[in-house]
Amino acid sequence: MHGTARIQKPKKKSAKAFWMKQLHTWHWVSSAISLIGLLLFAFTGITLNHAADVEASPQTIEKSATLPANLLTQVAADDAADSKKPLPAPVAAWVEKSVGQSGQGIAEWSADEIYLALPRPGGDGWVSIDRHDGKVTSESTSRGAISYLNDLHKGRNAGGAWKYFIDIFSIACFVFALTGLVLLQLHAKKRPSTWPLVAAGLAIPAILAIIFIH
């Protein structure tokens, strides 16, 4: 019996040490993955909260050009039906080269005009093509670096790749917080202020929401 007890105790200690090591590993790995994202989202949390105090200086660039005859035939008005579809690839490539705007995306086709909206983080833009004479008008607006970062925070017009990044970042933050909570629980006996601080982190926003937000 005593021999069995001596064997079981080291095994139990070994299992605890294993899981402690796993918790610390997942905690630092998730913190490393989410570190830059956390800094970005914390900073833009402040700039968004004080958006009215952060002055933006929009800069707008207008350009115009005319489609060559061989490309005009690909967009010429041959029907009156409204539709939504991409620009033909050669026309999209010419637009990007001639007016410096992306020709990619879903455009709105009407009997007289093709309109391609080009929103992006921190700015906006559009391209218009006259289907009769091939006249191309373009406008690009930039609202500055802070606006760009704010839009990244919100995922506004940032595309699919950024959407997936936010998902991965959110999972990393969740793992970071969850493993941190477990580690707090394991070390709480030696740190009496642990749970009062955790409770304050819950109570303060809850009280503010109940009293001041209506």
Protein backbone atom coordinates (compact mmCIF):
# COMPACT_ATOMS: atom_id res chain seq x y z
CA MET A 1 0.00 0.00 0.00
CA HIS A 2 2.71 2.45 0.97
CA GLY A 3 4.63 1.58 -2.17
CA THR A 4 1.57 2.31 -4.29
CA ALA A 5 1.08 5.68 -2.60
CA ARG A 6 4.69 6.61 -3.26
CA ILE A 7 4.22 5.75 -6.95
CA GLN A 8 0.90 7.63 -7.39
CA LYS A 9 2.06 10.90 -5.82
CA PRO A 10 4.86 11.63 -8.30
CA LYS A 11 2.47 10.83 -11.18
CA LYS A 12 -0.09 13.31 -9.87
CA LYS A 13 2.59 15.96 -9.44
CA SER A 14 3.91 15.25 -12.91
CA ALA A 15 0.44 15.68 -14.46
CA LYS A 16 -0.02 19.01 -12.67
CA ALA A 17 3.38 20.21 -13.85
CA PHE A 18 2.49 19.17 -17.41
CA TRP A 19 -0.74 21.18 -17.45
CA MET A 20 0.91 24.16 -15.81
CA LYS A 21 3.52 24.11 -18.55
CA GLN A 22 0.78 23.86 -21.19
CA LEU A 23 -1.11 26.81 -19.70
CA HIS A 24 1.98 28.98 -19.63
CA THR A 25 2.86 27.96 -23.20
CA TRP A 26 -0.60 28.75 -24.58
CA HIS A 27 -0.67 31.99 -22.59
CA TRP A 28 2.59 33.37 -23.98
CA VAL A 29 1.98 32.08 -27.51
CA SER A 30 -1.48 33.68 -27.66
CA SER A 31 -0.11 36.91 -26.15
CA ALA A 32 2.65 37.02 -28.77
CA ILE A 33 0.15 36.48 -31.60
CA SER A 34 -2.28 39.11 -30.31
CA LEU A 35 0.27 41.67 -29.03
CA ILE A 36 0.45 43.99 -32.07
CA GLY A 37 -3.28 43.65 -32.70
CA LEU A 38 -4.03 44.54 -29.08
CA LEU A 39 -1.84 47.64 -29.32
CA LEU A 40 -3.61 48.66 -32.55
CA PHE A 41 -7.11 48.05 -31.21
CA ALA A 42 -6.33 49.75 -27.87
CA PHE A 43 -4.96 52.83 -29.62
CA THR A 44 -7.84 53.06 -32.09
CA GLY A 45 -10.28 52.48 -29.23
CA ILE A 46 -9.09 55.84 -27.87
CA THR A 47 -9.13 57.59 -31.28
CA LEU A 48 -12.63 56.28 -32.03
CA ASN A 49 -13.87 57.33 -28.60
CA HIS A 50 -12.57 60.84 -29.31
CA ALA A 51 -13.31 60.93 -33.02
CA ALA A 52 -14.79 64.44 -32.80
CA ASP A 53 -11.55 65.74 -31.30
CA VAL A 54 -9.28 64.20 -33.93
CA GLU A 55 -9.26 66.49 -36.93
CA ALA A 56 -9.16 64.89 -40.35
CA SER A 57 -7.92 66.68 -43.45
CA PRO A 58 -9.44 64.90 -46.44
CA GLN A 59 -7.49 65.14 -49.66
CA THR A 60 -9.31 64.54 -52.92
CA ILE A 61 -7.70 63.79 -56.28
CA GLU A 62 -9.75 63.98 -59.47
CA LYS A 63 -8.65 62.51 -62.79
CA SER A 64 -10.20 62.02 -66.18
CA ALA A 65 -9.35 60.11 -69.35
CA THR A 66 -11.03 58.61 -72.40
CA LEU A 67 -11.28 54.93 -73.24
CA PRO A 68 -9.63 53.97 -76.52
CA ALA A 69 -11.97 52.82 -79.27
CA ASN A 70 -11.11 49.12 -78.94
CA LEU A 71 -12.09 49.15 -75.25
CA LEU A 72 -15.14 51.35 -75.71
CA THR A 73 -16.73 48.57 -77.76
CA GLN A 74 -16.56 46.32 -74.68
CA VAL A 75 -18.63 48.71 -72.58
CA ALA A 76 -20.69 50.48 -75.26
CA ALA A 77 -24.40 50.89 -74.56
CA ASP A 78 -26.11 48.00 -76.27
CA ASP A 79 -29.03 47.55 -73.90
CA ALA A 80 -31.01 49.59 -71.41
CA ALA A 81 -31.18 46.99 -68.65
CA ASP A 82 -29.55 47.88 -65.36
CA SER A 83 -27.18 45.27 -63.96
CA LYS A 84 -24.29 44.74 -61.59
CA LYS A 85 -21.14 43.02 -62.84
CA PRO A 86 -17.35 43.53 -63.00
CA LEU A 87 -15.64 45.57 -65.68
CA PRO A 88 -14.12 43.52 -68.52
CA ALA A 89 -10.55 42.61 -67.55
CA PRO A 90 -8.86 44.77 -70.27
CA VAL A 91 -10.99 47.79 -69.27
CA ALA A 92 -10.20 47.25 -65.57
CA ALA A 93 -6.46 47.08 -66.33
CA TRP A 94 -6.66 50.25 -68.45
CA VAL A 95 -8.54 52.12 -65.69
CA GLU A 96 -5.89 51.23 -63.12
CA LYS A 97 -3.08 52.32 -65.44
CA SER A 98 -4.72 55.52 -66.70
CA VAL A 99 -6.38 57.02 -63.62
CA GLY A 100 -4.59 55.17 -60.81
CA GLN A 101 -7.72 53.57 -59.40
CA SER A 102 -8.48 49.89 -59.07
CA GLY A 103 -10.78 48.61 -61.78
CA GLN A 104 -11.72 45.57 -59.69
CA GLY A 105 -15.06 45.09 -58.01
CA ILE A 106 -18.73 44.94 -58.91
CA ALA A 107 -19.82 47.93 -60.97
CA GLU A 108 -23.31 49.29 -61.54
CA TRP A 109 -24.21 49.27 -65.24
CA SER A 110 -27.00 51.48 -66.57
CA ALA A 111 -27.97 52.45 -70.10
CA ASP A 112 -25.67 55.49 -70.12
CA GLU A 113 -23.04 54.94 -67.45
CA ILE A 114 -20.93 52.43 -65.55
CA TYR A 115 -20.28 53.38 -61.94
CA LEU A 116 -17.66 51.58 -59.86
CA ALA A 117 -17.59 52.44 -56.14
CA LEU A 118 -14.16 51.98 -54.52
CA PRO A 119 -14.47 52.45 -50.75
CA ARG A 120 -11.42 51.57 -48.68
CA PRO A 121 -10.12 52.04 -45.11
CA GLY A 122 -9.41 55.70 -44.46
CA GLY A 123 -10.75 56.86 -47.78
CA ASP A 124 -13.17 56.55 -50.62
CA GLY A 125 -13.18 56.57 -54.38
CA TRP A 126 -15.17 55.94 -57.51
CA VAL A 127 -14.82 55.60 -61.26
CA SER A 128 -17.48 56.55 -63.79
CA ILE A 129 -17.44 55.52 -67.46
CA ASP A 130 -19.72 57.08 -70.05
CA ARG A 131 -20.92 54.21 -72.24
CA HIS A 132 -21.47 56.47 -75.26
CA ASP A 133 -18.27 58.49 -75.60
CA GLY A 134 -15.93 56.53 -73.29
CA LYS A 135 -15.18 59.45 -70.99
CA VAL A 136 -13.77 58.22 -67.67
CA THR A 137 -14.02 60.30 -64.51
CA SER A 138 -12.30 59.32 -61.30
CA GLU A 139 -12.21 60.65 -57.76
CA SER A 140 -10.09 59.42 -54.84
CA THR A 141 -10.35 60.75 -51.28
CA SER A 142 -7.97 60.08 -48.38
CA ARG A 143 -8.89 61.04 -44.82
CA GLY A 144 -5.48 60.38 -43.24
CA ALA A 145 -3.68 57.76 -41.16
CA ILE A 146 -5.91 57.96 -38.07
CA SER A 147 -9.02 57.42 -40.18
CA TYR A 148 -7.27 54.50 -41.87
CA LEU A 149 -6.50 52.85 -38.51
CA ASN A 150 -10.03 53.54 -37.22
CA ASP A 151 -11.52 51.81 -40.24
CA LEU A 152 -9.22 48.82 -39.70
CA HIS A 153 -10.52 48.65 -36.12
CA LYS A 154 -14.08 48.46 -37.45
CA GLY A 155 -13.19 46.21 -40.39
CA ARG A 156 -14.74 48.82 -42.67
CA ASN A 157 -14.10 48.14 -46.37
CA ALA A 158 -10.97 46.18 -45.44
CA GLY A 159 -11.65 43.06 -47.49
CA GLY A 160 -11.78 39.34 -46.79
CA ALA A 161 -8.15 38.88 -45.71
CA TRP A 162 -8.53 41.46 -42.93
CA LYS A 163 -11.80 39.81 -41.87
CA TYR A 164 -9.98 36.50 -41.37
CA PHE A 165 -7.18 38.27 -39.50
CA ILE A 166 -9.71 39.73 -37.05
CA ASP A 167 -11.17 36.24 -36.51
CA ILE A 168 -7.71 34.78 -35.77
CA PHE A 169 -6.81 37.76 -33.59
CA SER A 170 -10.06 37.40 -31.62
CA ILE A 171 -9.41 33.69 -31.00
CA ALA A 172 -5.86 34.49 -29.82
CA CYS A 173 -7.23 37.14 -27.45
CA PHE A 174 -9.81 34.68 -26.11
CA VAL A 175 -7.13 32.04 -25.46
CA PHE A 176 -4.88 34.69 -23.87
CA ALA A 177 -7.67 35.84 -21.53
CA LEU A 178 -8.91 32.35 -20.68
CA THR A 179 -5.46 30.93 -19.87
CA GLY A 180 -4.73 34.09 -17.90
CA LEU A 181 -7.88 33.52 -15.86
CA VAL A 182 -6.87 29.93 -15.08
CA LEU A 183 -3.37 31.06 -14.11
CA LEU A 184 -4.89 33.71 -11.85
CA GLN A 185 -6.94 31.00 -10.16
CA LEU A 186 -3.87 28.83 -9.62
CA HIS A 187 -1.87 31.69 -8.07
CA ALA A 188 -4.76 33.43 -6.26
CA LYS A 189 -3.90 31.94 -2.84
CA LYS A 190 -0.59 33.79 -2.80
CA ARG A 191 -2.15 37.01 -4.15
CA PRO A 192 -5.17 38.04 -2.04
CA SER A 193 -6.03 41.00 -4.26
CA THR A 194 -6.60 38.79 -7.33
CA TRP A 195 -10.34 38.21 -7.12
CA PRO A 196 -11.26 41.70 -5.82
CA LEU A 197 -9.48 43.14 -8.87
CA VAL A 198 -11.22 40.69 -11.21
CA ALA A 199 -14.56 41.54 -9.59
CA ALA A 200 -13.82 45.26 -10.00
CA GLY A 201 -13.09 44.67 -13.70
CA LEU A 202 -16.60 43.26 -14.03
CA ALA A 203 -18.43 45.57 -11.64
CA ILE A 204 -17.11 48.94 -12.88
CA PRO A 205 -18.32 48.66 -16.51
CA ALA A 206 -21.56 47.03 -15.33
CA ILE A 207 -22.29 49.90 -12.92
CA LEU A 208 -21.42 52.52 -15.55
CA ALA A 209 -23.71 50.81 -18.09
CA ILE A 210 -26.61 50.57 -15.65
CA ILE A 211 -26.36 54.11 -14.27
CA PHE A 212 -25.08 56.24 -17.17
CA ILE A 213 -26.16 54.46 -20.36
CA HIS A 214 -29.83 54.75 -21.25
